[in-house]
Amino acid sequence: MTLATSLPVQLRTATEEDMAAILAIYSHYVTRTFVSFEEVPPSLEEMQARRRRTLGLGLPYLVAESDGEVMGYSYAGPFRPRSAYRYTLEDSIYVSPMIQRRGVGALLLSGLVERCTQLGYRQMIGIIGDSANQPSIGLHRKLGFRQEGVLRGVGLKRGRWIDVVIMHRPLGSASEGLPGPDQPGLKPGG
């Protein structure tokens, strides 16, 4: 899927050199919003370790770059650790607050969906912090996610109870039969 943005943006795999910019973007959401349930920004070393774990699982960790600057990032992770969930992933997406609503989020999420589909995954779950986070809910809806439910007041951050919105989207031909033994996916036993 190709989406137009109002910026000249390149989508690519994140590198170690991108992590300081990624941390700056994420820190904004941790300290100024309710969309992340973290209350203190992680260290650069922790963010680098998270990226390595994601890539080590064979999952995508993407950045949107424009004129050498990271505009946002997205990645997929296991939805749950039990082995039967191995074909279901959870998405995460963060866009620089300076360029919101300019198509970068749609590019990041559609690229993530496309890559995860190519890898043989069947379902993607969006766990969206804060039911007031209409930009993320709308973005997911635009890209084929359906809202499945809201968990009310499951997080407490800065004196406010925060909801979680659960959204879901099948990937590829999710209605097809069982995967073959050579089908990619997270290995059972996790």
N, C-alpha and C. Protein backbone atom coordinates (compact mmCIF):
# COMPACT_ATOMS: atom_id res chain seq x y z
N MET A 1 0.85 -1.17 0.00
CA MET A 1 0.00 0.00 0.00
C MET A 1 0.90 1.24 0.00
N THR A 2 0.65 2.15 -0.90
CA THR A 2 1.40 3.40 -0.96
C THR A 2 0.50 4.53 -0.50
N LEU A 3 0.98 5.31 0.43
CA LEU A 3 0.22 6.43 0.96
C LEU A 3 0.97 7.72 0.70
N ALA A 4 0.24 8.75 0.38
CA ALA A 4 0.87 10.05 0.16
C ALA A 4 1.04 10.78 1.49
N THR A 5 2.15 11.44 1.63
CA THR A 5 2.36 12.31 2.79
C THR A 5 2.63 13.70 2.25
N SER A 6 2.52 14.67 3.14
CA SER A 6 2.83 16.03 2.74
C SER A 6 4.32 16.32 2.89
N LEU A 7 5.11 15.30 3.19
CA LEU A 7 6.56 15.42 3.34
C LEU A 7 7.24 14.38 2.44
N PRO A 8 8.46 14.66 1.96
CA PRO A 8 9.21 13.62 1.26
C PRO A 8 9.80 12.67 2.31
N VAL A 9 9.19 11.52 2.47
CA VAL A 9 9.54 10.61 3.56
C VAL A 9 10.00 9.27 3.01
N GLN A 10 11.06 8.76 3.60
CA GLN A 10 11.57 7.43 3.29
C GLN A 10 11.30 6.53 4.49
N LEU A 11 10.78 5.34 4.25
CA LEU A 11 10.54 4.35 5.29
C LEU A 11 11.65 3.32 5.22
N ARG A 12 12.30 3.06 6.36
CA ARG A 12 13.41 2.10 6.38
C ARG A 12 13.54 1.49 7.77
N THR A 13 14.37 0.46 7.87
CA THR A 13 14.64 -0.18 9.16
C THR A 13 15.47 0.76 10.03
N ALA A 14 15.09 0.85 11.29
CA ALA A 14 15.80 1.71 12.25
C ALA A 14 17.20 1.15 12.52
N THR A 15 18.14 2.06 12.71
CA THR A 15 19.52 1.69 13.05
C THR A 15 19.84 2.19 14.45
N GLU A 16 20.97 1.75 14.98
CA GLU A 16 21.43 2.22 16.29
C GLU A 16 21.55 3.75 16.29
N GLU A 17 21.98 4.31 15.17
CA GLU A 17 22.17 5.76 15.08
C GLU A 17 20.85 6.53 15.17
N ASP A 18 19.73 5.88 14.90
CA ASP A 18 18.42 6.52 14.97
C ASP A 18 17.87 6.60 16.40
N MET A 19 18.47 5.84 17.31
CA MET A 19 17.81 5.64 18.60
C MET A 19 17.75 6.90 19.47
N ALA A 20 18.69 7.80 19.36
CA ALA A 20 18.60 9.04 20.14
C ALA A 20 17.40 9.87 19.69
N ALA A 21 17.19 9.95 18.38
CA ALA A 21 16.02 10.68 17.86
C ALA A 21 14.73 9.97 18.24
N ILE A 22 14.73 8.64 18.18
CA ILE A 22 13.55 7.87 18.58
C ILE A 22 13.25 8.09 20.05
N LEU A 23 14.29 8.08 20.87
CA LEU A 23 14.09 8.33 22.31
C LEU A 23 13.50 9.73 22.55
N ALA A 24 13.96 10.72 21.81
CA ALA A 24 13.42 12.08 21.96
C ALA A 24 11.93 12.12 21.63
N ILE A 25 11.54 11.44 20.57
CA ILE A 25 10.12 11.38 20.19
C ILE A 25 9.33 10.67 21.29
N TYR A 26 9.81 9.51 21.70
CA TYR A 26 9.09 8.72 22.70
C TYR A 26 9.00 9.45 24.04
N SER A 27 10.07 10.12 24.43
CA SER A 27 10.09 10.84 25.70
C SER A 27 8.99 11.90 25.76
N HIS A 28 8.70 12.53 24.64
CA HIS A 28 7.60 13.50 24.59
C HIS A 28 6.30 12.83 25.01
N TYR A 29 6.02 11.65 24.46
CA TYR A 29 4.77 10.96 24.76
C TYR A 29 4.73 10.44 26.19
N VAL A 30 5.89 10.03 26.72
CA VAL A 30 5.94 9.55 28.10
C VAL A 30 5.69 10.69 29.08
N THR A 31 6.32 11.83 28.85
CA THR A 31 6.27 12.92 29.83
C THR A 31 5.11 13.88 29.65
N ARG A 32 4.53 13.96 28.46
CA ARG A 32 3.52 14.99 28.20
C ARG A 32 2.15 14.48 27.83
N THR A 33 2.00 13.16 27.65
CA THR A 33 0.71 12.62 27.24
C THR A 33 0.37 11.40 28.08
N PHE A 34 -0.77 10.82 27.78
CA PHE A 34 -1.22 9.60 28.45
C PHE A 34 -1.23 8.42 27.49
N VAL A 35 -0.61 8.55 26.31
CA VAL A 35 -0.65 7.47 25.32
C VAL A 35 0.33 6.35 25.63
N SER A 36 1.37 6.63 26.40
CA SER A 36 2.28 5.60 26.87
C SER A 36 2.04 5.40 28.36
N PHE A 37 2.06 4.17 28.80
CA PHE A 37 1.86 3.88 30.22
C PHE A 37 3.18 3.94 30.99
N GLU A 38 4.28 4.21 30.30
CA GLU A 38 5.52 4.47 31.03
C GLU A 38 5.43 5.86 31.64
N GLU A 39 5.99 6.02 32.82
CA GLU A 39 5.93 7.31 33.51
C GLU A 39 7.25 8.05 33.49
N VAL A 40 8.32 7.33 33.24
CA VAL A 40 9.66 7.90 33.15
C VAL A 40 10.28 7.41 31.85
N PRO A 41 10.82 8.32 31.03
CA PRO A 41 11.43 7.86 29.78
C PRO A 41 12.56 6.87 30.05
N PRO A 42 12.64 5.83 29.23
CA PRO A 42 13.75 4.89 29.39
C PRO A 42 15.07 5.53 28.95
N SER A 43 16.14 4.90 29.31
CA SER A 43 17.46 5.38 28.89
C SER A 43 17.68 5.04 27.43
N LEU A 44 18.67 5.68 26.84
CA LEU A 44 19.05 5.37 25.47
C LEU A 44 19.47 3.90 25.36
N GLU A 45 20.21 3.40 26.35
CA GLU A 45 20.65 2.01 26.34
C GLU A 45 19.44 1.06 26.34
N GLU A 46 18.41 1.39 27.12
CA GLU A 46 17.21 0.56 27.16
C GLU A 46 16.49 0.58 25.81
N MET A 47 16.38 1.76 25.20
CA MET A 47 15.74 1.85 23.89
C MET A 47 16.52 1.06 22.84
N GLN A 48 17.84 1.11 22.90
CA GLN A 48 18.65 0.32 21.97
C GLN A 48 18.43 -1.16 22.19
N ALA A 49 18.33 -1.58 23.45
CA ALA A 49 18.09 -3.00 23.76
C ALA A 49 16.71 -3.43 23.26
N ARG A 50 15.72 -2.59 23.38
CA ARG A 50 14.37 -2.91 22.89
C ARG A 50 14.39 -3.11 21.37
N ARG A 51 15.10 -2.24 20.67
CA ARG A 51 15.21 -2.38 19.22
C ARG A 51 15.90 -3.69 18.86
N ARG A 52 17.00 -4.00 19.54
CA ARG A 52 17.72 -5.25 19.25
C ARG A 52 16.84 -6.47 19.51
N ARG A 53 16.04 -6.45 20.59
CA ARG A 53 15.14 -7.58 20.87
C ARG A 53 14.11 -7.75 19.76
N THR A 54 13.55 -6.64 19.30
CA THR A 54 12.54 -6.69 18.24
C THR A 54 13.15 -7.27 16.97
N LEU A 55 14.28 -6.72 16.55
CA LEU A 55 14.93 -7.21 15.34
C LEU A 55 15.40 -8.65 15.51
N GLY A 56 15.83 -9.00 16.72
CA GLY A 56 16.27 -10.37 17.01
C GLY A 56 15.15 -11.40 16.84
N LEU A 57 13.91 -10.96 17.00
CA LEU A 57 12.76 -11.84 16.77
C LEU A 57 12.37 -11.89 15.30
N GLY A 58 13.10 -11.15 14.47
CA GLY A 58 12.78 -11.11 13.04
C GLY A 58 11.62 -10.19 12.72
N LEU A 59 11.31 -9.28 13.64
CA LEU A 59 10.17 -8.37 13.47
C LEU A 59 10.65 -7.00 13.00
N PRO A 60 9.78 -6.26 12.32
CA PRO A 60 10.18 -4.94 11.82
C PRO A 60 10.23 -3.87 12.90
N TYR A 61 11.21 -3.00 12.78
CA TYR A 61 11.35 -1.79 13.60
C TYR A 61 11.71 -0.70 12.59
N LEU A 62 10.76 0.17 12.28
CA LEU A 62 10.88 1.10 11.16
C LEU A 62 11.00 2.55 11.61
N VAL A 63 11.64 3.35 10.79
CA VAL A 63 11.63 4.80 10.97
C VAL A 63 11.16 5.45 9.68
N ALA A 64 10.53 6.59 9.84
CA ALA A 64 10.20 7.47 8.71
C ALA A 64 11.20 8.60 8.79
N GLU A 65 11.92 8.81 7.69
CA GLU A 65 12.99 9.80 7.66
C GLU A 65 12.71 10.81 6.55
N SER A 66 12.96 12.07 6.85
CA SER A 66 12.83 13.12 5.84
C SER A 66 14.04 14.04 5.97
N ASP A 67 14.75 14.20 4.88
CA ASP A 67 15.96 15.04 4.87
C ASP A 67 16.91 14.71 6.00
N GLY A 68 17.11 13.41 6.25
CA GLY A 68 18.06 12.96 7.27
C GLY A 68 17.55 13.03 8.69
N GLU A 69 16.29 13.43 8.90
CA GLU A 69 15.74 13.56 10.25
C GLU A 69 14.65 12.50 10.48
N VAL A 70 14.70 11.85 11.64
CA VAL A 70 13.69 10.86 11.99
C VAL A 70 12.40 11.59 12.34
N MET A 71 11.33 11.25 11.61
CA MET A 71 10.01 11.89 11.79
C MET A 71 9.09 11.05 12.67
N GLY A 72 9.40 9.77 12.82
CA GLY A 72 8.58 8.87 13.61
C GLY A 72 9.11 7.46 13.48
N TYR A 73 8.51 6.57 14.25
CA TYR A 73 8.93 5.17 14.19
C TYR A 73 7.76 4.26 14.54
N SER A 74 7.89 3.01 14.11
CA SER A 74 6.90 1.99 14.45
C SER A 74 7.62 0.65 14.54
N TYR A 75 7.02 -0.24 15.30
CA TYR A 75 7.57 -1.59 15.40
C TYR A 75 6.47 -2.55 15.79
N ALA A 76 6.72 -3.82 15.54
CA ALA A 76 5.79 -4.88 15.92
C ALA A 76 6.46 -5.72 16.99
N GLY A 77 5.65 -6.18 17.92
CA GLY A 77 6.13 -7.07 18.96
C GLY A 77 5.13 -8.17 19.21
N PRO A 78 5.54 -9.20 19.91
CA PRO A 78 4.60 -10.27 20.24
C PRO A 78 3.42 -9.69 21.03
N PHE A 79 2.22 -10.14 20.71
CA PHE A 79 1.04 -9.67 21.42
C PHE A 79 1.04 -10.19 22.86
N ARG A 80 1.30 -11.46 23.02
CA ARG A 80 1.36 -12.09 24.33
C ARG A 80 2.47 -13.14 24.26
N PRO A 81 3.03 -13.54 25.41
CA PRO A 81 4.18 -14.47 25.38
C PRO A 81 3.83 -15.93 25.14
N ARG A 82 2.60 -16.37 25.35
CA ARG A 82 2.27 -17.78 25.19
C ARG A 82 2.37 -18.19 23.71
N SER A 83 2.81 -19.40 23.47
CA SER A 83 3.14 -19.85 22.12
C SER A 83 1.96 -19.83 21.15
N ALA A 84 0.75 -20.05 21.61
CA ALA A 84 -0.39 -20.07 20.69
C ALA A 84 -0.66 -18.71 20.07
N TYR A 85 -0.11 -17.66 20.65
CA TYR A 85 -0.26 -16.30 20.10
C TYR A 85 0.79 -15.98 19.05
N ARG A 86 1.62 -16.93 18.65
CA ARG A 86 2.80 -16.63 17.84
C ARG A 86 2.53 -16.02 16.48
N TYR A 87 1.30 -16.06 15.98
CA TYR A 87 0.99 -15.44 14.70
C TYR A 87 0.25 -14.11 14.87
N THR A 88 0.20 -13.62 16.09
CA THR A 88 -0.48 -12.36 16.40
C THR A 88 0.53 -11.38 16.97
N LEU A 89 0.53 -10.17 16.42
CA LEU A 89 1.48 -9.15 16.83
C LEU A 89 0.75 -7.92 17.36
N GLU A 90 1.48 -7.12 18.13
CA GLU A 90 0.99 -5.82 18.59
C GLU A 90 1.82 -4.73 17.93
N ASP A 91 1.14 -3.69 17.47
CA ASP A 91 1.87 -2.59 16.84
C ASP A 91 2.13 -1.46 17.84
N SER A 92 3.19 -0.72 17.59
CA SER A 92 3.49 0.51 18.32
C SER A 92 3.92 1.54 17.29
N ILE A 93 3.43 2.76 17.44
CA ILE A 93 3.74 3.82 16.47
C ILE A 93 3.78 5.15 17.19
N TYR A 94 4.82 5.92 16.90
CA TYR A 94 5.00 7.26 17.48
C TYR A 94 5.53 8.19 16.40
N VAL A 95 4.92 9.35 16.29
CA VAL A 95 5.30 10.35 15.29
C VAL A 95 5.75 11.61 16.03
N SER A 96 6.77 12.26 15.50
CA SER A 96 7.23 13.51 16.08
C SER A 96 6.05 14.46 16.27
N PRO A 97 5.92 15.06 17.43
CA PRO A 97 4.78 15.97 17.66
C PRO A 97 4.79 17.17 16.72
N MET A 98 5.91 17.45 16.10
CA MET A 98 6.02 18.60 15.19
C MET A 98 5.38 18.33 13.82
N ILE A 99 5.12 17.07 13.49
CA ILE A 99 4.62 16.77 12.14
C ILE A 99 3.38 15.88 12.15
N GLN A 100 2.64 15.91 13.22
CA GLN A 100 1.43 15.10 13.28
C GLN A 100 0.42 15.53 12.21
N ARG A 101 -0.38 14.56 11.79
CA ARG A 101 -1.46 14.76 10.82
C ARG A 101 -0.95 15.18 9.43
N ARG A 102 0.22 14.67 9.08
CA ARG A 102 0.78 14.96 7.76
C ARG A 102 1.06 13.68 6.97
N GLY A 103 0.48 12.56 7.42
CA GLY A 103 0.58 11.31 6.68
C GLY A 103 1.71 10.40 7.10
N VAL A 104 2.58 10.85 8.00
CA VAL A 104 3.72 10.03 8.40
C VAL A 104 3.26 8.82 9.22
N GLY A 105 2.29 9.01 10.10
CA GLY A 105 1.77 7.90 10.90
C GLY A 105 1.16 6.83 10.01
N ALA A 106 0.41 7.25 9.01
CA ALA A 106 -0.22 6.29 8.09
C ALA A 106 0.86 5.52 7.32
N LEU A 107 1.91 6.20 6.90
CA LEU A 107 3.01 5.54 6.20
C LEU A 107 3.68 4.51 7.11
N LEU A 108 3.94 4.89 8.35
CA LEU A 108 4.58 3.97 9.29
C LEU A 108 3.72 2.75 9.59
N LEU A 109 2.45 2.98 9.87
CA LEU A 109 1.58 1.86 10.21
C LEU A 109 1.31 0.97 9.01
N SER A 110 1.09 1.55 7.84
CA SER A 110 0.85 0.72 6.65
C SER A 110 2.10 -0.08 6.30
N GLY A 111 3.28 0.52 6.45
CA GLY A 111 4.52 -0.22 6.21
C GLY A 111 4.70 -1.37 7.18
N LEU A 112 4.33 -1.14 8.42
CA LEU A 112 4.41 -2.19 9.43
C LEU A 112 3.45 -3.33 9.10
N VAL A 113 2.21 -2.99 8.75
CA VAL A 113 1.21 -4.00 8.38
C VAL A 113 1.71 -4.80 7.18
N GLU A 114 2.22 -4.12 6.19
CA GLU A 114 2.70 -4.79 4.97
C GLU A 114 3.84 -5.77 5.28
N ARG A 115 4.81 -5.33 6.05
CA ARG A 115 5.96 -6.19 6.36
C ARG A 115 5.53 -7.39 7.21
N CYS A 116 4.66 -7.17 8.19
CA CYS A 116 4.21 -8.27 9.04
C CYS A 116 3.38 -9.28 8.25
N THR A 117 2.61 -8.79 7.30
CA THR A 117 1.84 -9.68 6.43
C THR A 117 2.80 -10.52 5.59
N GLN A 118 3.82 -9.90 5.02
CA GLN A 118 4.81 -10.62 4.20
C GLN A 118 5.55 -11.68 5.02
N LEU A 119 5.70 -11.43 6.32
CA LEU A 119 6.39 -12.38 7.19
C LEU A 119 5.49 -13.55 7.59
N GLY A 120 4.21 -13.50 7.24
CA GLY A 120 3.32 -14.62 7.51
C GLY A 120 2.48 -14.49 8.76
N TYR A 121 2.48 -13.33 9.38
CA TYR A 121 1.64 -13.14 10.58
C TYR A 121 0.19 -12.96 10.15
N ARG A 122 -0.74 -13.28 11.06
CA ARG A 122 -2.17 -13.32 10.71
C ARG A 122 -3.01 -12.24 11.36
N GLN A 123 -2.59 -11.70 12.48
CA GLN A 123 -3.40 -10.72 13.20
C GLN A 123 -2.49 -9.63 13.77
N MET A 124 -3.02 -8.41 13.80
CA MET A 124 -2.30 -7.31 14.46
C MET A 124 -3.27 -6.64 15.42
N ILE A 125 -2.77 -6.39 16.62
CA ILE A 125 -3.55 -5.77 17.67
C ILE A 125 -2.94 -4.40 17.97
N GLY A 126 -3.81 -3.41 18.07
CA GLY A 126 -3.40 -2.08 18.53
C GLY A 126 -3.91 -1.89 19.95
N ILE A 127 -3.01 -1.66 20.87
CA ILE A 127 -3.37 -1.37 22.25
C ILE A 127 -3.09 0.12 22.43
N ILE A 128 -4.14 0.91 22.39
CA ILE A 128 -3.99 2.37 22.34
C ILE A 128 -4.24 2.96 23.72
N GLY A 129 -3.22 3.62 24.24
CA GLY A 129 -3.35 4.27 25.53
C GLY A 129 -4.20 5.52 25.43
N ASP A 130 -5.19 5.63 26.30
CA ASP A 130 -6.05 6.79 26.44
C ASP A 130 -7.16 6.81 25.40
N SER A 131 -8.38 6.61 25.86
CA SER A 131 -9.53 6.62 24.93
C SER A 131 -9.75 7.99 24.31
N ALA A 132 -9.10 9.02 24.83
CA ALA A 132 -9.16 10.35 24.22
C ALA A 132 -8.15 10.50 23.08
N ASN A 133 -7.36 9.47 22.82
CA ASN A 133 -6.32 9.52 21.79
C ASN A 133 -6.95 9.27 20.41
N GLN A 134 -7.80 10.19 20.00
CA GLN A 134 -8.52 10.04 18.74
C GLN A 134 -7.61 10.00 17.50
N PRO A 135 -6.48 10.71 17.48
CA PRO A 135 -5.61 10.58 16.30
C PRO A 135 -5.15 9.13 16.06
N SER A 136 -4.75 8.43 17.11
CA SER A 136 -4.30 7.05 16.94
C SER A 136 -5.48 6.12 16.63
N ILE A 137 -6.58 6.31 17.29
CA ILE A 137 -7.77 5.49 17.02
C ILE A 137 -8.20 5.69 15.56
N GLY A 138 -8.24 6.94 15.11
CA GLY A 138 -8.62 7.23 13.73
C GLY A 138 -7.65 6.67 12.72
N LEU A 139 -6.35 6.75 13.02
CA LEU A 139 -5.33 6.19 12.12
C LEU A 139 -5.52 4.68 11.99
N HIS A 140 -5.68 4.01 13.11
CA HIS A 140 -5.87 2.56 13.06
C HIS A 140 -7.14 2.22 12.27
N ARG A 141 -8.21 2.95 12.52
CA ARG A 141 -9.46 2.70 11.81
C ARG A 141 -9.27 2.89 10.30
N LYS A 142 -8.57 3.96 9.93
CA LYS A 142 -8.31 4.26 8.52
C LYS A 142 -7.58 3.12 7.83
N LEU A 143 -6.74 2.42 8.58
CA LEU A 143 -5.94 1.34 8.00
C LEU A 143 -6.54 -0.05 8.26
N GLY A 144 -7.84 -0.08 8.51
CA GLY A 144 -8.54 -1.36 8.55
C GLY A 144 -8.67 -2.02 9.90
N PHE A 145 -8.29 -1.34 10.96
CA PHE A 145 -8.45 -1.90 12.30
C PHE A 145 -9.88 -1.64 12.78
N ARG A 146 -10.39 -2.57 13.55
CA ARG A 146 -11.72 -2.45 14.13
C ARG A 146 -11.58 -2.37 15.65
N GLN A 147 -12.33 -1.47 16.26
CA GLN A 147 -12.29 -1.37 17.71
C GLN A 147 -13.01 -2.56 18.32
N GLU A 148 -12.33 -3.25 19.22
CA GLU A 148 -12.88 -4.44 19.85
C GLU A 148 -13.35 -4.19 21.27
N GLY A 149 -12.82 -3.16 21.90
CA GLY A 149 -13.23 -2.90 23.28
C GLY A 149 -12.43 -1.79 23.92
N VAL A 150 -12.87 -1.41 25.10
CA VAL A 150 -12.18 -0.41 25.91
C VAL A 150 -12.06 -0.96 27.32
N LEU A 151 -10.86 -0.96 27.84
CA LEU A 151 -10.62 -1.31 29.24
C LEU A 151 -10.55 -0.01 30.01
N ARG A 152 -11.51 0.23 30.85
CA ARG A 152 -11.65 1.52 31.54
C ARG A 152 -10.74 1.60 32.77
N GLY A 153 -10.00 2.69 32.85
CA GLY A 153 -9.23 3.01 34.05
C GLY A 153 -8.22 1.96 34.47
N VAL A 154 -7.51 1.35 33.53
CA VAL A 154 -6.56 0.30 33.88
C VAL A 154 -5.15 0.82 34.17
N GLY A 155 -4.90 2.10 33.89
CA GLY A 155 -3.60 2.70 34.17
C GLY A 155 -3.78 3.97 34.99
N LEU A 156 -2.84 4.23 35.88
CA LEU A 156 -2.84 5.46 36.67
C LEU A 156 -1.56 6.21 36.37
N LYS A 157 -1.70 7.40 35.82
CA LYS A 157 -0.53 8.20 35.45
C LYS A 157 -0.82 9.65 35.78
N ARG A 158 0.10 10.26 36.50
CA ARG A 158 -0.02 11.67 36.89
C ARG A 158 -1.40 11.99 37.47
N GLY A 159 -1.87 11.11 38.34
CA GLY A 159 -3.12 11.36 39.04
C GLY A 159 -4.38 11.15 38.22
N ARG A 160 -4.27 10.52 37.06
CA ARG A 160 -5.44 10.29 36.20
C ARG A 160 -5.53 8.81 35.83
N TRP A 161 -6.73 8.26 35.91
CA TRP A 161 -6.98 6.90 35.45
C TRP A 161 -7.10 6.91 33.93
N ILE A 162 -6.41 5.98 33.30
CA ILE A 162 -6.32 5.97 31.83
C ILE A 162 -6.94 4.69 31.28
N ASP A 163 -7.70 4.84 30.22
CA ASP A 163 -8.30 3.71 29.51
C ASP A 163 -7.32 3.14 28.49
N VAL A 164 -7.64 1.95 28.03
CA VAL A 164 -6.94 1.33 26.91
C VAL A 164 -7.99 0.95 25.87
N VAL A 165 -7.75 1.34 24.64
CA VAL A 165 -8.62 0.99 23.53
C VAL A 165 -7.96 -0.16 22.77
N ILE A 166 -8.71 -1.23 22.56
CA ILE A 166 -8.18 -2.41 21.87
C ILE A 166 -8.73 -2.41 20.45
N MET A 167 -7.81 -2.42 19.47
CA MET A 167 -8.20 -2.47 18.06
C MET A 167 -7.52 -3.68 17.42
N HIS A 168 -8.11 -4.18 16.35
CA HIS A 168 -7.66 -5.43 15.76
C HIS A 168 -7.82 -5.39 14.25
N ARG A 169 -6.88 -6.04 13.58
CA ARG A 169 -6.94 -6.13 12.12
C ARG A 169 -6.34 -7.45 11.67
N PRO A 170 -7.07 -8.21 10.83
CA PRO A 170 -6.47 -9.40 10.23
C PRO A 170 -5.38 -8.98 9.24
N LEU A 171 -4.37 -9.81 9.09
CA LEU A 171 -3.29 -9.57 8.13
C LEU A 171 -3.40 -10.58 7.02
N GLY A 172 -3.22 -10.14 5.80
CA GLY A 172 -3.22 -11.05 4.66
C GLY A 172 -4.49 -11.85 4.58
N SER A 173 -4.35 -13.12 4.37
CA SER A 173 -5.49 -14.03 4.26
C SER A 173 -5.69 -14.74 5.59
N ALA A 174 -6.04 -14.02 6.61
CA ALA A 174 -6.18 -14.58 7.95
C ALA A 174 -7.24 -15.65 8.03
N SER A 175 -8.14 -15.70 7.06
CA SER A 175 -9.19 -16.71 7.09
C SER A 175 -8.74 -18.03 6.47
N GLU A 176 -7.54 -18.07 5.92
CA GLU A 176 -7.03 -19.31 5.33
C GLU A 176 -6.73 -20.33 6.41
N GLY A 177 -6.44 -21.54 6.00
CA GLY A 177 -6.21 -22.64 6.93
C GLY A 177 -4.95 -22.47 7.77
N LEU A 178 -4.55 -23.54 8.37
CA LEU A 178 -3.39 -23.54 9.27
C LEU A 178 -2.10 -23.31 8.50
N PRO A 179 -1.13 -22.65 9.13
CA PRO A 179 0.16 -22.43 8.46
C PRO A 179 0.94 -23.73 8.34
N GLY A 180 1.79 -23.77 7.32
CA GLY A 180 2.64 -24.93 7.14
C GLY A 180 3.81 -24.89 8.10
N PRO A 181 4.57 -25.99 8.20
CA PRO A 181 5.68 -26.05 9.16
C PRO A 181 6.79 -25.06 8.84
N ASP A 182 6.90 -24.62 7.59
CA ASP A 182 7.95 -23.68 7.23
C ASP A 182 7.47 -22.23 7.27
N GLN A 183 6.23 -22.03 7.71
CA GLN A 183 5.66 -20.68 7.79
C GLN A 183 6.41 -19.86 8.83
N PRO A 184 6.80 -18.63 8.49
CA PRO A 184 7.47 -17.79 9.48
C PRO A 184 6.53 -17.49 10.65
N GLY A 185 7.11 -17.06 11.72
CA GLY A 185 6.34 -16.72 12.91
C GLY A 185 7.23 -16.88 14.12
N LEU A 186 6.79 -16.33 15.22
CA LEU A 186 7.54 -16.50 16.45
C LEU A 186 7.56 -17.98 16.80
N LYS A 187 8.64 -18.45 17.31
CA LYS A 187 8.76 -19.88 17.61
C LYS A 187 7.95 -20.24 18.85
N PRO A 188 7.29 -21.42 18.82
CA PRO A 188 6.53 -21.86 20.00
C PRO A 188 7.44 -22.03 21.20
N GLY A 189 6.81 -21.96 22.37
CA GLY A 189 7.55 -22.20 23.59
C GLY A 189 7.88 -20.94 24.35
N GLY A 190 7.54 -19.76 23.78
CA GLY A 190 7.83 -18.51 24.46
C GLY A 190 6.81 -18.18 25.39
